[in-house]
Structures are given as structure tokens and as C-alpha cells.
PDB file of all heavy atoms in Angstrom:
ATOM      1  N   LYS A   1       0.872   0.470 -27.262  1.00  0.00           N
ATOM      2  CA  LYS A   1       1.444   1.536 -26.449  1.00  0.00           C
ATOM      3  C   LYS A   1       2.914   1.246 -26.210  1.00  0.00           C
ATOM      4  O   LYS A   1       3.295   0.103 -25.959  1.00  0.00           O
ATOM      5  CB  LYS A   1       0.709   1.662 -25.112  1.00  0.00           C
ATOM      6  CG  LYS A   1      -0.695   2.224 -25.230  1.00  0.00           C
ATOM      7  CD  LYS A   1      -1.323   2.423 -23.867  1.00  0.00           C
ATOM      8  CE  LYS A   1      -2.727   3.023 -24.002  1.00  0.00           C
ATOM      9  NZ  LYS A   1      -3.373   3.213 -22.673  1.00  0.00           N
ATOM     10  N   VAL A   2       3.728   2.269 -26.315  1.00  0.00           N
ATOM     11  CA  VAL A   2       5.157   2.136 -26.061  1.00  0.00           C
ATOM     12  C   VAL A   2       5.499   2.978 -24.841  1.00  0.00           C
ATOM     13  O   VAL A   2       5.494   4.215 -24.904  1.00  0.00           O
ATOM     14  CB  VAL A   2       5.998   2.587 -27.273  1.00  0.00           C
ATOM     15  CG1 VAL A   2       7.484   2.469 -26.962  1.00  0.00           C
ATOM     16  CG2 VAL A   2       5.649   1.755 -28.500  1.00  0.00           C
ATOM     17  N   GLU A   3       5.761   2.315 -23.733  1.00  0.00           N
ATOM     18  CA  GLU A   3       6.137   3.026 -22.510  1.00  0.00           C
ATOM     19  C   GLU A   3       7.656   3.110 -22.374  1.00  0.00           C
ATOM     20  O   GLU A   3       8.183   4.093 -21.856  1.00  0.00           O
ATOM     21  CB  GLU A   3       5.534   2.340 -21.291  1.00  0.00           C
ATOM     22  CG  GLU A   3       4.009   2.386 -21.273  1.00  0.00           C
ATOM     23  CD  GLU A   3       3.427   1.729 -20.045  1.00  0.00           C
ATOM     24  OE1 GLU A   3       4.208   1.117 -19.271  1.00  0.00           O
ATOM     25  OE2 GLU A   3       2.196   1.805 -19.861  1.00  0.00           O
ATOM     26  N   ARG A   4       8.359   2.064 -22.841  1.00  0.00           N
ATOM     27  CA  ARG A   4       9.822   2.020 -22.782  1.00  0.00           C
ATOM     28  C   ARG A   4      10.354   1.725 -24.180  1.00  0.00           C
ATOM     29  O   ARG A   4      10.116   0.652 -24.724  1.00  0.00           O
ATOM     30  CB  ARG A   4      10.290   0.954 -21.781  1.00  0.00           C
ATOM     31  CG  ARG A   4       9.978   1.308 -20.331  1.00  0.00           C
ATOM     32  CD  ARG A   4      10.229   0.131 -19.409  1.00  0.00           C
ATOM     33  NE  ARG A   4       9.315  -0.961 -19.694  1.00  0.00           N
ATOM     34  CZ  ARG A   4       8.082  -1.031 -19.221  1.00  0.00           C
ATOM     35  NH1 ARG A   4       7.610  -0.076 -18.433  1.00  0.00           N
ATOM     36  NH2 ARG A   4       7.310  -2.047 -19.535  1.00  0.00           N
ATOM     37  N   PHE A   5      11.048   2.712 -24.731  1.00  0.00           N
ATOM     38  CA  PHE A   5      11.565   2.596 -26.094  1.00  0.00           C
ATOM     39  C   PHE A   5      13.087   2.500 -26.054  1.00  0.00           C
ATOM     40  O   PHE A   5      13.767   3.422 -25.596  1.00  0.00           O
ATOM     41  CB  PHE A   5      11.128   3.807 -26.919  1.00  0.00           C
ATOM     42  CG  PHE A   5      11.619   3.786 -28.345  1.00  0.00           C
ATOM     43  CD1 PHE A   5      11.386   2.694 -29.162  1.00  0.00           C
ATOM     44  CD2 PHE A   5      12.309   4.865 -28.872  1.00  0.00           C
ATOM     45  CE1 PHE A   5      11.827   2.675 -30.474  1.00  0.00           C
ATOM     46  CE2 PHE A   5      12.756   4.862 -30.174  1.00  0.00           C
ATOM     47  CZ  PHE A   5      12.516   3.756 -30.982  1.00  0.00           C
ATOM     48  N   LEU A   6      13.620   1.381 -26.527  1.00  0.00           N
ATOM     49  CA  LEU A   6      15.067   1.137 -26.494  1.00  0.00           C
ATOM     50  C   LEU A   6      15.695   1.489 -27.833  1.00  0.00           C
ATOM     51  O   LEU A   6      15.294   0.968 -28.876  1.00  0.00           O
ATOM     52  CB  LEU A   6      15.333  -0.336 -26.175  1.00  0.00           C
ATOM     53  CG  LEU A   6      16.807  -0.753 -26.137  1.00  0.00           C
ATOM     54  CD1 LEU A   6      17.520  -0.085 -24.963  1.00  0.00           C
ATOM     55  CD2 LEU A   6      16.935  -2.267 -26.048  1.00  0.00           C
ATOM     56  N   PHE A   7      16.691   2.370 -27.811  1.00  0.00           N
ATOM     57  CA  PHE A   7      17.413   2.732 -29.030  1.00  0.00           C
ATOM     58  C   PHE A   7      18.854   2.275 -28.915  1.00  0.00           C
ATOM     59  O   PHE A   7      19.549   2.595 -27.940  1.00  0.00           O
ATOM     60  CB  PHE A   7      17.367   4.251 -29.263  1.00  0.00           C
ATOM     61  CG  PHE A   7      18.078   4.694 -30.503  1.00  0.00           C
ATOM     62  CD1 PHE A   7      17.549   4.436 -31.764  1.00  0.00           C
ATOM     63  CD2 PHE A   7      19.284   5.372 -30.426  1.00  0.00           C
ATOM     64  CE1 PHE A   7      18.213   4.843 -32.925  1.00  0.00           C
ATOM     65  CE2 PHE A   7      19.949   5.785 -31.575  1.00  0.00           C
ATOM     66  CZ  PHE A   7      19.414   5.516 -32.827  1.00  0.00           C
ATOM     67  N   ALA A   8      19.321   1.516 -29.914  1.00  0.00           N
ATOM     68  CA  ALA A   8      20.692   0.994 -29.932  1.00  0.00           C
ATOM     69  C   ALA A   8      21.424   1.548 -31.140  1.00  0.00           C
ATOM     70  O   ALA A   8      20.885   1.557 -32.249  1.00  0.00           O
ATOM     71  CB  ALA A   8      20.674  -0.530 -29.990  1.00  0.00           C
ATOM     72  N   CYS A   9      22.644   2.010 -30.918  1.00  0.00           N
ATOM     73  CA  CYS A   9      23.475   2.463 -32.031  1.00  0.00           C
ATOM     74  C   CYS A   9      24.941   2.363 -31.639  1.00  0.00           C
ATOM     75  O   CYS A   9      25.264   1.906 -30.535  1.00  0.00           O
ATOM     76  CB  CYS A   9      23.114   3.886 -32.469  1.00  0.00           C
ATOM     77  SG  CYS A   9      23.645   5.182 -31.345  1.00  0.00           S
ATOM     78  N   ASP A  10      25.840   2.775 -32.536  1.00  0.00           N
ATOM     79  CA  ASP A  10      27.274   2.681 -32.260  1.00  0.00           C
ATOM     80  C   ASP A  10      27.835   3.938 -31.606  1.00  0.00           C
ATOM     81  O   ASP A  10      29.005   4.003 -31.267  1.00  0.00           O
ATOM     82  CB  ASP A  10      28.044   2.392 -33.548  1.00  0.00           C
ATOM     83  CG  ASP A  10      27.801   3.447 -34.620  1.00  0.00           C
ATOM     84  OD1 ASP A  10      27.058   4.409 -34.353  1.00  0.00           O
ATOM     85  OD2 ASP A  10      28.365   3.296 -35.715  1.00  0.00           O
ATOM     86  N   PHE A  11      26.977   4.980 -31.452  1.00  0.00           N
ATOM     87  CA  PHE A  11      27.381   6.239 -30.824  1.00  0.00           C
ATOM     88  C   PHE A  11      28.554   6.890 -31.549  1.00  0.00           C
ATOM     89  O   PHE A  11      29.406   7.528 -30.949  1.00  0.00           O
ATOM     90  CB  PHE A  11      27.656   6.038 -29.328  1.00  0.00           C
ATOM     91  CG  PHE A  11      26.411   5.671 -28.573  1.00  0.00           C
ATOM     92  CD1 PHE A  11      26.062   4.340 -28.398  1.00  0.00           C
ATOM     93  CD2 PHE A  11      25.561   6.658 -28.112  1.00  0.00           C
ATOM     94  CE1 PHE A  11      24.887   3.995 -27.752  1.00  0.00           C
ATOM     95  CE2 PHE A  11      24.376   6.320 -27.456  1.00  0.00           C
ATOM     96  CZ  PHE A  11      24.045   4.981 -27.275  1.00  0.00           C
ATOM     97  N   GLU A  12      28.542   6.729 -32.868  1.00  0.00           N
ATOM     98  CA  GLU A  12      29.432   7.467 -33.749  1.00  0.00           C
ATOM     99  C   GLU A  12      28.652   8.646 -34.328  1.00  0.00           C
ATOM    100  O   GLU A  12      27.415   8.663 -34.318  1.00  0.00           O
ATOM    101  CB  GLU A  12      29.943   6.569 -34.882  1.00  0.00           C
ATOM    102  CG  GLU A  12      30.812   5.403 -34.437  1.00  0.00           C
ATOM    103  CD  GLU A  12      32.272   5.818 -34.183  1.00  0.00           C
ATOM    104  OE1 GLU A  12      32.547   7.051 -34.146  1.00  0.00           O
ATOM    105  OE2 GLU A  12      33.109   4.931 -34.017  1.00  0.00           O
ATOM    106  N   ASP A  13      29.368   9.630 -34.873  1.00  0.00           N
ATOM    107  CA  ASP A  13      28.718  10.839 -35.379  1.00  0.00           C
ATOM    108  C   ASP A  13      27.651  10.529 -36.427  1.00  0.00           C
ATOM    109  O   ASP A  13      26.631  11.228 -36.508  1.00  0.00           O
ATOM    110  CB  ASP A  13      29.753  11.792 -35.983  1.00  0.00           C
ATOM    111  CG  ASP A  13      30.627  12.442 -34.915  1.00  0.00           C
ATOM    112  OD1 ASP A  13      30.354  12.228 -33.712  1.00  0.00           O
ATOM    113  OD2 ASP A  13      31.591  13.148 -35.284  1.00  0.00           O
ATOM    114  N   GLU A  14      27.875   9.494 -37.215  1.00  0.00           N
ATOM    115  CA  GLU A  14      26.931   9.148 -38.283  1.00  0.00           C
ATOM    116  C   GLU A  14      25.543   8.817 -37.740  1.00  0.00           C
ATOM    117  O   GLU A  14      24.532   8.983 -38.431  1.00  0.00           O
ATOM    118  CB  GLU A  14      27.469   7.949 -39.083  1.00  0.00           C
ATOM    119  CG  GLU A  14      26.643   7.617 -40.318  1.00  0.00           C
ATOM    120  CD  GLU A  14      27.169   6.388 -41.048  1.00  0.00           C
ATOM    121  OE1 GLU A  14      27.794   5.531 -40.403  1.00  0.00           O
ATOM    122  OE2 GLU A  14      26.949   6.296 -42.268  1.00  0.00           O
ATOM    123  N   SER A  15      25.487   8.376 -36.484  1.00  0.00           N
ATOM    124  CA  SER A  15      24.213   7.980 -35.894  1.00  0.00           C
ATOM    125  C   SER A  15      23.460   9.129 -35.236  1.00  0.00           C
ATOM    126  O   SER A  15      22.341   8.930 -34.741  1.00  0.00           O
ATOM    127  CB  SER A  15      24.440   6.870 -34.861  1.00  0.00           C
ATOM    128  OG  SER A  15      24.915   5.695 -35.478  1.00  0.00           O
ATOM    129  N   LEU A  16      24.041  10.334 -35.221  1.00  0.00           N
ATOM    130  CA  LEU A  16      23.385  11.471 -34.569  1.00  0.00           C
ATOM    131  C   LEU A  16      21.998  11.783 -35.139  1.00  0.00           C
ATOM    132  O   LEU A  16      21.050  11.987 -34.376  1.00  0.00           O
ATOM    133  CB  LEU A  16      24.286  12.708 -34.645  1.00  0.00           C
ATOM    134  CG  LEU A  16      25.415  12.775 -33.608  1.00  0.00           C
ATOM    135  CD1 LEU A  16      26.415  13.870 -33.973  1.00  0.00           C
ATOM    136  CD2 LEU A  16      24.851  13.022 -32.212  1.00  0.00           C
ATOM    137  N   PRO A  17      21.833  11.842 -36.488  1.00  0.00           N
ATOM    138  CA  PRO A  17      20.489  12.126 -37.013  1.00  0.00           C
ATOM    139  C   PRO A  17      19.461  11.080 -36.587  1.00  0.00           C
ATOM    140  O   PRO A  17      18.318  11.424 -36.262  1.00  0.00           O
ATOM    141  CB  PRO A  17      20.701  12.112 -38.535  1.00  0.00           C
ATOM    142  CG  PRO A  17      22.152  12.402 -38.723  1.00  0.00           C
ATOM    143  CD  PRO A  17      22.834  11.743 -37.571  1.00  0.00           C
ATOM    144  N   ALA A  18      19.862   9.804 -36.606  1.00  0.00           N
ATOM    145  CA  ALA A  18      18.938   8.744 -36.208  1.00  0.00           C
ATOM    146  C   ALA A  18      18.581   8.875 -34.733  1.00  0.00           C
ATOM    147  O   ALA A  18      17.431   8.650 -34.334  1.00  0.00           O
ATOM    148  CB  ALA A  18      19.560   7.373 -36.482  1.00  0.00           C
ATOM    149  N   PHE A  19      19.563   9.228 -33.910  1.00  0.00           N
ATOM    150  CA  PHE A  19      19.304   9.408 -32.481  1.00  0.00           C
ATOM    151  C   PHE A  19      18.291  10.528 -32.247  1.00  0.00           C
ATOM    152  O   PHE A  19      17.367  10.391 -31.436  1.00  0.00           O
ATOM    153  CB  PHE A  19      20.607   9.727 -31.739  1.00  0.00           C
ATOM    154  CG  PHE A  19      20.387  10.226 -30.333  1.00  0.00           C
ATOM    155  CD1 PHE A  19      19.993   9.359 -29.328  1.00  0.00           C
ATOM    156  CD2 PHE A  19      20.559  11.576 -30.032  1.00  0.00           C
ATOM    157  CE1 PHE A  19      19.771   9.833 -28.030  1.00  0.00           C
ATOM    158  CE2 PHE A  19      20.350  12.048 -28.748  1.00  0.00           C
ATOM    159  CZ  PHE A  19      19.951  11.170 -27.741  1.00  0.00           C
ATOM    160  N   GLN A  20      18.439  11.651 -32.959  1.00  0.00           N
ATOM    161  CA  GLN A  20      17.512  12.765 -32.787  1.00  0.00           C
ATOM    162  C   GLN A  20      16.097  12.361 -33.199  1.00  0.00           C
ATOM    163  O   GLN A  20      15.108  12.751 -32.553  1.00  0.00           O
ATOM    164  CB  GLN A  20      17.982  13.978 -33.596  1.00  0.00           C
ATOM    165  CG  GLN A  20      19.326  14.557 -33.164  1.00  0.00           C
ATOM    166  CD  GLN A  20      19.319  15.148 -31.761  1.00  0.00           C
ATOM    167  OE1 GLN A  20      18.285  15.199 -31.099  1.00  0.00           O
ATOM    168  NE2 GLN A  20      20.480  15.598 -31.296  1.00  0.00           N
ATOM    169  N   LYS A  21      15.999  11.568 -34.260  1.00  0.00           N
ATOM    170  CA  LYS A  21      14.683  11.093 -34.707  1.00  0.00           C
ATOM    171  C   LYS A  21      14.086  10.141 -33.679  1.00  0.00           C
ATOM    172  O   LYS A  21      12.874  10.171 -33.412  1.00  0.00           O
ATOM    173  CB  LYS A  21      14.806  10.397 -36.064  1.00  0.00           C
ATOM    174  CG  LYS A  21      15.145  11.331 -37.211  1.00  0.00           C
ATOM    175  CD  LYS A  21      15.355  10.567 -38.506  1.00  0.00           C
ATOM    176  CE  LYS A  21      15.801  11.485 -39.637  1.00  0.00           C
ATOM    177  NZ  LYS A  21      16.067  10.731 -40.895  1.00  0.00           N
ATOM    178  N   ALA A  22      14.932   9.283 -33.101  1.00  0.00           N
ATOM    179  CA  ALA A  22      14.461   8.348 -32.079  1.00  0.00           C
ATOM    180  C   ALA A  22      13.978   9.111 -30.845  1.00  0.00           C
ATOM    181  O   ALA A  22      12.965   8.748 -30.226  1.00  0.00           O
ATOM    182  CB  ALA A  22      15.575   7.380 -31.699  1.00  0.00           C
ATOM    183  N   LYS A  23      14.693  10.161 -30.503  1.00  0.00           N
ATOM    184  CA  LYS A  23      14.322  10.994 -29.358  1.00  0.00           C
ATOM    185  C   LYS A  23      12.961  11.650 -29.605  1.00  0.00           C
ATOM    186  O   LYS A  23      12.095  11.685 -28.712  1.00  0.00           O
ATOM    187  CB  LYS A  23      15.402  12.053 -29.137  1.00  0.00           C
ATOM    188  CG  LYS A  23      15.253  12.861 -27.861  1.00  0.00           C
ATOM    189  CD  LYS A  23      16.426  13.826 -27.721  1.00  0.00           C
ATOM    190  CE  LYS A  23      16.260  14.710 -26.489  1.00  0.00           C
ATOM    191  NZ  LYS A  23      17.372  15.672 -26.360  1.00  0.00           N
ATOM    192  N   SER A  24      12.763  12.153 -30.812  1.00  0.00           N
ATOM    193  CA  SER A  24      11.479  12.776 -31.166  1.00  0.00           C
ATOM    194  C   SER A  24      10.356  11.744 -31.169  1.00  0.00           C
ATOM    195  O   SER A  24       9.232  12.038 -30.741  1.00  0.00           O
ATOM    196  CB  SER A  24      11.579  13.442 -32.541  1.00  0.00           C
ATOM    197  OG  SER A  24      12.540  14.478 -32.534  1.00  0.00           O
ATOM    198  N   PHE A  25      10.661  10.546 -31.661  1.00  0.00           N
ATOM    199  CA  PHE A  25       9.665   9.478 -31.705  1.00  0.00           C
ATOM    200  C   PHE A  25       9.216   9.118 -30.291  1.00  0.00           C
ATOM    201  O   PHE A  25       8.020   8.966 -30.026  1.00  0.00           O
ATOM    202  CB  PHE A  25      10.263   8.249 -32.399  1.00  0.00           C
ATOM    203  CG  PHE A  25       9.341   7.057 -32.438  1.00  0.00           C
ATOM    204  CD1 PHE A  25       8.324   6.971 -33.373  1.00  0.00           C
ATOM    205  CD2 PHE A  25       9.495   6.011 -31.537  1.00  0.00           C
ATOM    206  CE1 PHE A  25       7.483   5.872 -33.414  1.00  0.00           C
ATOM    207  CE2 PHE A  25       8.664   4.917 -31.566  1.00  0.00           C
ATOM    208  CZ  PHE A  25       7.646   4.842 -32.508  1.00  0.00           C
ATOM    209  N   ALA A  26      10.170   8.969 -29.378  1.00  0.00           N
ATOM    210  CA  ALA A  26       9.841   8.637 -27.995  1.00  0.00           C
ATOM    211  C   ALA A  26       8.988   9.732 -27.362  1.00  0.00           C
ATOM    212  O   ALA A  26       8.014   9.453 -26.654  1.00  0.00           O
ATOM    213  CB  ALA A  26      11.120   8.425 -27.189  1.00  0.00           C
TER     214      ALA A  26
END
């Protein structure tokens, strides 16, 4: 079970797709 999911990135535009996928995963 994942109650707290930590996503780390550089917060550059290139990471936007990965962030959206991480958000959906959570």
C-alpha cells in the first residue's frame, strides 16, 4: 500500500509529462 508517494524532479518543462503521470499514479 502506498499512502505517501514522493515525487522528485527538477521542475523544468521537460518534467511536466512525468509529473502528470505521477499525479495520476498517486
